[in-house]
């Protein structure tokens, strides 16, 4: 059962970008009233149900406010309308994707496995001096994620973190400047175990 207008919430830009960036489809019919939601001929029942489920994500928002926000984002070149499978859809532009990744960065956490595998992850970076701001931002994220600083550009972590570091490499465009090593043992291990509560 869909919500009444009084139950619906005003969308924040962050909400919109996270849904679009996460792959939740939005037909342009929501931005342009009067356009029907196209359900393709040849779709099986599972595909139809999945499409309706994705559209339902948007139903929690006040439609008038959602339209206003999307029009503003379109004017700012954060979103654009493209045709997919014969249907106009709202998608993120390059600028929009950058903003979406920024939100992902703010919320980044590394999930701890139930049991430590006994191996250490060393993150070593050598970011050029002319990228001083990038260097500082990368270092701050590692601190926020509770990596232990061994040396100026060497950080230690006990849990798998490849995906998170790869995300940072791509976001900051420092793919060639960062190396991850996995080691079985390290000197003064007991001190690092204490830091990480192992």
C-alpha atoms as a PDB file:
ATOM      1  CA  UNK A   1       0.000   0.000   0.000  1.00  0.00           C
ATOM      2  CA  UNK A   2       1.480   3.338  -1.044  1.00  0.00           C
ATOM      3  CA  UNK A   3       1.859   6.230   1.365  1.00  0.00           C
ATOM      4  CA  UNK A   4      -0.526   9.181   1.385  1.00  0.00           C
ATOM      5  CA  UNK A   5       0.902  12.576   0.408  1.00  0.00           C
ATOM      6  CA  UNK A   6       1.077  13.606   4.069  1.00  0.00           C
ATOM      7  CA  UNK A   7       3.285  10.593   4.897  1.00  0.00           C
ATOM      8  CA  UNK A   8       5.828  11.297   2.172  1.00  0.00           C
ATOM      9  CA  UNK A   9       9.191  12.897   2.886  1.00  0.00           C
ATOM     10  CA  UNK A  10      11.090  15.662   1.138  1.00  0.00           C
ATOM     11  CA  UNK A  11      14.087  14.193  -0.701  1.00  0.00           C
ATOM     12  CA  UNK A  12      17.565  15.433   0.123  1.00  0.00           C
ATOM     13  CA  UNK A  13      20.073  15.739  -2.718  1.00  0.00           C
ATOM     14  CA  UNK A  14      22.105  13.075  -0.923  1.00  0.00           C
ATOM     15  CA  UNK A  15      19.133  10.663  -1.023  1.00  0.00           C
ATOM     16  CA  UNK A  16      18.593  11.202  -4.747  1.00  0.00           C
ATOM     17  CA  UNK A  17      22.257  10.794  -5.684  1.00  0.00           C
ATOM     18  CA  UNK A  18      22.656   7.684  -3.525  1.00  0.00           C
ATOM     19  CA  UNK A  19      19.653   5.999  -5.161  1.00  0.00           C
ATOM     20  CA  UNK A  20      20.778   6.885  -8.693  1.00  0.00           C
ATOM     21  CA  UNK A  21      24.419   6.038  -7.950  1.00  0.00           C
ATOM     22  CA  UNK A  22      23.416   2.734  -6.400  1.00  0.00           C
ATOM     23  CA  UNK A  23      21.590   1.694  -9.576  1.00  0.00           C
ATOM     24  CA  UNK A  24      17.986   2.387  -8.570  1.00  0.00           C
ATOM     25  CA  UNK A  25      16.253   3.311 -11.817  1.00  0.00           C
ATOM     26  CA  UNK A  26      14.204   6.468 -12.199  1.00  0.00           C
ATOM     27  CA  UNK A  27      12.038   6.901 -15.276  1.00  0.00           C
ATOM     28  CA  UNK A  28      11.864  10.423 -16.652  1.00  0.00           C
ATOM     29  CA  UNK A  29       8.066  10.135 -16.331  1.00  0.00           C
ATOM     30  CA  UNK A  30       8.567  11.210 -12.693  1.00  0.00           C
ATOM     31  CA  UNK A  31      10.245  14.426 -13.812  1.00  0.00           C
ATOM     32  CA  UNK A  32       7.889  15.005 -16.718  1.00  0.00           C
ATOM     33  CA  UNK A  33       4.271  14.411 -15.642  1.00  0.00           C
ATOM     34  CA  UNK A  34       2.112  12.665 -18.201  1.00  0.00           C
ATOM     35  CA  UNK A  35       4.749  10.260 -19.456  1.00  0.00           C
ATOM     36  CA  UNK A  36       3.718   6.678 -18.666  1.00  0.00           C
ATOM     37  CA  UNK A  37       5.952   4.168 -16.897  1.00  0.00           C
ATOM     38  CA  UNK A  38       6.857   1.808 -19.695  1.00  0.00           C
ATOM     39  CA  UNK A  39       6.681  -1.883 -18.865  1.00  0.00           C
ATOM     40  CA  UNK A  40       8.395  -3.653 -21.745  1.00  0.00           C
ATOM     41  CA  UNK A  41       6.708  -6.341 -23.803  1.00  0.00           C
ATOM     42  CA  UNK A  42       8.716  -9.519 -23.457  1.00  0.00           C
ATOM     43  CA  UNK A  43       9.625  -8.898 -19.804  1.00  0.00           C
ATOM     44  CA  UNK A  44       9.099 -11.957 -17.651  1.00  0.00           C
ATOM     45  CA  UNK A  45       7.230 -11.682 -14.348  1.00  0.00           C
ATOM     46  CA  UNK A  46      10.473 -11.472 -12.329  1.00  0.00           C
ATOM     47  CA  UNK A  47      11.806  -8.570 -14.449  1.00  0.00           C
ATOM     48  CA  UNK A  48       8.457  -6.775 -14.181  1.00  0.00           C
ATOM     49  CA  UNK A  49       8.436  -7.193 -10.387  1.00  0.00           C
ATOM     50  CA  UNK A  50      12.043  -5.940 -10.139  1.00  0.00           C
ATOM     51  CA  UNK A  51      11.257  -2.869 -12.236  1.00  0.00           C
ATOM     52  CA  UNK A  52       8.220  -2.008 -10.084  1.00  0.00           C
ATOM     53  CA  UNK A  53      10.291  -2.538  -6.929  1.00  0.00           C
ATOM     54  CA  UNK A  54      12.939  -0.074  -8.153  1.00  0.00           C
ATOM     55  CA  UNK A  55      10.331   2.534  -9.037  1.00  0.00           C
ATOM     56  CA  UNK A  56       8.772   2.060  -5.580  1.00  0.00           C
ATOM     57  CA  UNK A  57      11.998   3.334  -3.972  1.00  0.00           C
ATOM     58  CA  UNK A  58      11.041   6.786  -5.236  1.00  0.00           C
ATOM     59  CA  UNK A  59       7.444   6.634  -3.946  1.00  0.00           C
ATOM     60  CA  UNK A  60       8.468   7.533  -0.390  1.00  0.00           C
ATOM     61  CA  UNK A  61       9.308  11.058  -1.583  1.00  0.00           C
ATOM     62  CA  UNK A  62       6.972  13.996  -2.009  1.00  0.00           C
ATOM     63  CA  UNK A  63       6.606  13.987  -5.809  1.00  0.00           C
ATOM     64  CA  UNK A  64       6.448  17.770  -6.214  1.00  0.00           C
ATOM     65  CA  UNK A  65       9.643  18.230  -4.165  1.00  0.00           C
ATOM     66  CA  UNK A  66      11.366  15.373  -6.016  1.00  0.00           C
ATOM     67  CA  UNK A  67      10.572  16.974  -9.373  1.00  0.00           C
ATOM     68  CA  UNK A  68      11.832  20.363  -8.181  1.00  0.00           C
ATOM     69  CA  UNK A  69      15.082  18.813  -6.870  1.00  0.00           C
ATOM     70  CA  UNK A  70      15.666  16.848 -10.063  1.00  0.00           C
ATOM     71  CA  UNK A  71      15.073  19.899 -12.248  1.00  0.00           C
ATOM     72  CA  UNK A  72      17.563  21.856 -10.146  1.00  0.00           C
ATOM     73  CA  UNK A  73      20.110  19.017 -10.360  1.00  0.00           C
ATOM     74  CA  UNK A  74      19.593  18.835 -14.105  1.00  0.00           C
ATOM     75  CA  UNK A  75      20.249  22.577 -14.451  1.00  0.00           C
ATOM     76  CA  UNK A  76      23.430  22.090 -12.388  1.00  0.00           C
ATOM     77  CA  UNK A  77      24.456  19.250 -14.770  1.00  0.00           C
ATOM     78  CA  UNK A  78      24.446  16.723 -11.921  1.00  0.00           C
ATOM     79  CA  UNK A  79      21.804  14.525 -13.618  1.00  0.00           C
ATOM     80  CA  UNK A  80      20.719  14.124 -17.237  1.00  0.00           C
ATOM     81  CA  UNK A  81      18.038  12.298 -19.217  1.00  0.00           C
ATOM     82  CA  UNK A  82      19.158   9.420 -21.458  1.00  0.00           C
ATOM     83  CA  UNK A  83      17.231   6.777 -23.354  1.00  0.00           C
ATOM     84  CA  UNK A  84      17.601   3.210 -22.156  1.00  0.00           C
ATOM     85  CA  UNK A  85      15.727   0.409 -23.906  1.00  0.00           C
ATOM     86  CA  UNK A  86      13.460   2.957 -25.513  1.00  0.00           C
ATOM     87  CA  UNK A  87      12.562   4.703 -22.259  1.00  0.00           C
ATOM     88  CA  UNK A  88      13.867   8.083 -21.025  1.00  0.00           C
ATOM     89  CA  UNK A  89      15.685   7.622 -17.710  1.00  0.00           C
ATOM     90  CA  UNK A  90      17.319   9.967 -15.195  1.00  0.00           C
ATOM     91  CA  UNK A  91      21.025   9.153 -14.673  1.00  0.00           C
ATOM     92  CA  UNK A  92      24.037  10.791 -13.032  1.00  0.00           C
ATOM     93  CA  UNK A  93      26.471  12.827 -15.099  1.00  0.00           C
ATOM     94  CA  UNK A  94      30.214  12.647 -14.446  1.00  0.00           C
ATOM     95  CA  UNK A  95      29.784  15.559 -12.035  1.00  0.00           C
ATOM     96  CA  UNK A  96      26.917  13.702 -10.322  1.00  0.00           C
ATOM     97  CA  UNK A  97      28.974  10.511 -10.008  1.00  0.00           C
ATOM     98  CA  UNK A  98      31.768  12.481  -8.323  1.00  0.00           C
ATOM     99  CA  UNK A  99      29.305  13.892  -5.783  1.00  0.00           C
ATOM    100  CA  UNK A 100      27.806  10.421  -5.221  1.00  0.00           C
ATOM    101  CA  UNK A 101      31.276   8.950  -4.602  1.00  0.00           C
ATOM    102  CA  UNK A 102      31.908  11.751  -2.114  1.00  0.00           C
ATOM    103  CA  UNK A 103      28.883  10.587  -0.103  1.00  0.00           C
ATOM    104  CA  UNK A 104      30.140   7.001  -0.259  1.00  0.00           C
ATOM    105  CA  UNK A 105      33.513   8.210   0.992  1.00  0.00           C
ATOM    106  CA  UNK A 106      31.917   9.949   3.997  1.00  0.00           C
ATOM    107  CA  UNK A 107      30.134   6.734   4.995  1.00  0.00           C
ATOM    108  CA  UNK A 108      32.965   4.293   4.312  1.00  0.00           C
ATOM    109  CA  UNK A 109      33.598   1.641   6.937  1.00  0.00           C
ATOM    110  CA  UNK A 110      35.542  -1.621   6.837  1.00  0.00           C
ATOM    111  CA  UNK A 111      33.566  -4.568   8.147  1.00  0.00           C
ATOM    112  CA  UNK A 112      35.495  -6.723  10.578  1.00  0.00           C
ATOM    113  CA  UNK A 113      35.272 -10.480   9.972  1.00  0.00           C
ATOM    114  CA  UNK A 114      34.228 -12.658  12.927  1.00  0.00           C
ATOM    115  CA  UNK A 115      37.795 -13.948  13.244  1.00  0.00           C
ATOM    116  CA  UNK A 116      41.151 -12.404  12.319  1.00  0.00           C
ATOM    117  CA  UNK A 117      43.060 -14.455   9.715  1.00  0.00           C
ATOM    118  CA  UNK A 118      46.444 -13.679  11.337  1.00  0.00           C
ATOM    119  CA  UNK A 119      47.685 -11.621   8.379  1.00  0.00           C
ATOM    120  CA  UNK A 120      48.524  -7.921   8.240  1.00  0.00           C
ATOM    121  CA  UNK A 121      47.717  -5.485   5.426  1.00  0.00           C
ATOM    122  CA  UNK A 122      50.349  -2.841   4.725  1.00  0.00           C
ATOM    123  CA  UNK A 123      49.223   0.139   2.666  1.00  0.00           C
ATOM    124  CA  UNK A 124      52.208   1.967   1.182  1.00  0.00           C
ATOM    125  CA  UNK A 125      51.800   5.117  -0.888  1.00  0.00           C
ATOM    126  CA  UNK A 126      54.048   7.508  -2.754  1.00  0.00           C
ATOM    127  CA  UNK A 127      51.834  10.371  -3.928  1.00  0.00           C
ATOM    128  CA  UNK A 128      53.593  13.165  -5.830  1.00  0.00           C
ATOM    129  CA  UNK A 129      54.270  16.381  -3.911  1.00  0.00           C
ATOM    130  CA  UNK A 130      52.220  18.456  -6.352  1.00  0.00           C
ATOM    131  CA  UNK A 131      49.202  16.385  -5.234  1.00  0.00           C
ATOM    132  CA  UNK A 132      49.608  17.574  -1.653  1.00  0.00           C
ATOM    133  CA  UNK A 133      45.847  17.972  -1.061  1.00  0.00           C
ATOM    134  CA  UNK A 134      45.186  14.454  -2.362  1.00  0.00           C
ATOM    135  CA  UNK A 135      47.987  13.103  -0.180  1.00  0.00           C
ATOM    136  CA  UNK A 136      46.498  14.801   2.892  1.00  0.00           C
ATOM    137  CA  UNK A 137      42.937  13.618   2.106  1.00  0.00           C
ATOM    138  CA  UNK A 138      44.085  10.017   1.577  1.00  0.00           C
ATOM    139  CA  UNK A 139      45.999  10.074   4.865  1.00  0.00           C
ATOM    140  CA  UNK A 140      42.971  11.487   6.732  1.00  0.00           C
ATOM    141  CA  UNK A 141      40.719   8.717   5.400  1.00  0.00           C
ATOM    142  CA  UNK A 142      43.183   6.039   6.539  1.00  0.00           C
ATOM    143  CA  UNK A 143      43.210   7.630  10.012  1.00  0.00           C
ATOM    144  CA  UNK A 144      39.420   7.779  10.080  1.00  0.00           C
ATOM    145  CA  UNK A 145      39.320   4.060   9.197  1.00  0.00           C
ATOM    146  CA  UNK A 146      41.705   3.425  12.148  1.00  0.00           C
ATOM    147  CA  UNK A 147      44.729   2.290  10.146  1.00  0.00           C
ATOM    148  CA  UNK A 148      47.906   2.366  12.252  1.00  0.00           C
ATOM    149  CA  UNK A 149      50.677   4.626  10.959  1.00  0.00           C
ATOM    150  CA  UNK A 150      53.959   2.700  10.903  1.00  0.00           C
ATOM    151  CA  UNK A 151      55.944   5.305   8.979  1.00  0.00           C
ATOM    152  CA  UNK A 152      55.195   8.518   7.071  1.00  0.00           C
ATOM    153  CA  UNK A 153      53.609   6.743   4.089  1.00  0.00           C
ATOM    154  CA  UNK A 154      53.072   3.254   5.516  1.00  0.00           C
ATOM    155  CA  UNK A 155      49.878   2.210   7.301  1.00  0.00           C
ATOM    156  CA  UNK A 156      48.935  -1.084   8.937  1.00  0.00           C
ATOM    157  CA  UNK A 157      45.547  -2.843   9.160  1.00  0.00           C
ATOM    158  CA  UNK A 158      44.664  -6.392  10.217  1.00  0.00           C
ATOM    159  CA  UNK A 159      41.529  -7.041   8.127  1.00  0.00           C
ATOM    160  CA  UNK A 160      40.820  -7.412   4.394  1.00  0.00           C
ATOM    161  CA  UNK A 161      40.495  -3.916   2.942  1.00  0.00           C
ATOM    162  CA  UNK A 162      41.298  -4.294  -0.759  1.00  0.00           C
ATOM    163  CA  UNK A 163      37.911  -3.055  -2.012  1.00  0.00           C
ATOM    164  CA  UNK A 164      38.014   0.044   0.162  1.00  0.00           C
ATOM    165  CA  UNK A 165      41.590   0.923  -0.839  1.00  0.00           C
ATOM    166  CA  UNK A 166      40.740   0.301  -4.499  1.00  0.00           C
ATOM    167  CA  UNK A 167      37.777   2.675  -4.166  1.00  0.00           C
ATOM    168  CA  UNK A 168      40.133   5.336  -2.727  1.00  0.00           C
ATOM    169  CA  UNK A 169      42.636   4.744  -5.543  1.00  0.00           C
ATOM    170  CA  UNK A 170      39.942   5.369  -8.132  1.00  0.00           C
ATOM    171  CA  UNK A 171      38.294   8.269  -6.315  1.00  0.00           C
ATOM    172  CA  UNK A 172      41.582  10.155  -5.834  1.00  0.00           C
ATOM    173  CA  UNK A 173      43.066   8.899  -9.138  1.00  0.00           C
ATOM    174  CA  UNK A 174      46.166   7.510  -7.426  1.00  0.00           C
ATOM    175  CA  UNK A 175      46.049   3.931  -8.713  1.00  0.00           C
ATOM    176  CA  UNK A 176      49.767   3.722  -9.448  1.00  0.00           C
ATOM    177  CA  UNK A 177      50.780   5.459  -6.220  1.00  0.00           C
ATOM    178  CA  UNK A 178      49.369   2.961  -3.701  1.00  0.00           C
ATOM    179  CA  UNK A 179      50.483  -0.610  -2.977  1.00  0.00           C
ATOM    180  CA  UNK A 180      48.883  -3.154  -0.640  1.00  0.00           C
ATOM    181  CA  UNK A 181      51.088  -5.876   0.879  1.00  0.00           C
ATOM    182  CA  UNK A 182      49.766  -8.834   2.860  1.00  0.00           C
ATOM    183  CA  UNK A 183      52.273 -10.185   5.379  1.00  0.00           C
ATOM    184  CA  UNK A 184      52.166 -13.113   7.787  1.00  0.00           C
ATOM    185  CA  UNK A 185      54.145 -11.517  10.603  1.00  0.00           C
ATOM    186  CA  UNK A 186      55.571  -8.196  11.674  1.00  0.00           C
ATOM    187  CA  UNK A 187      57.988  -6.979  14.384  1.00  0.00           C
ATOM    188  CA  UNK A 188      56.427  -5.694  17.619  1.00  0.00           C
ATOM    189  CA  UNK A 189      53.235  -7.520  16.679  1.00  0.00           C
ATOM    190  CA  UNK A 190      51.901  -7.544  20.235  1.00  0.00           C
ATOM    191  CA  UNK A 191      51.740  -3.728  20.309  1.00  0.00           C
ATOM    192  CA  UNK A 192      49.729  -3.634  17.074  1.00  0.00           C
ATOM    193  CA  UNK A 193      47.437  -6.418  18.269  1.00  0.00           C
ATOM    194  CA  UNK A 194      46.722  -4.334  21.348  1.00  0.00           C
ATOM    195  CA  UNK A 195      45.932  -1.268  19.208  1.00  0.00           C
ATOM    196  CA  UNK A 196      43.445  -3.252  17.134  1.00  0.00           C
ATOM    197  CA  UNK A 197      42.029  -5.203  20.064  1.00  0.00           C
ATOM    198  CA  UNK A 198      43.134  -8.583  18.730  1.00  0.00           C
END
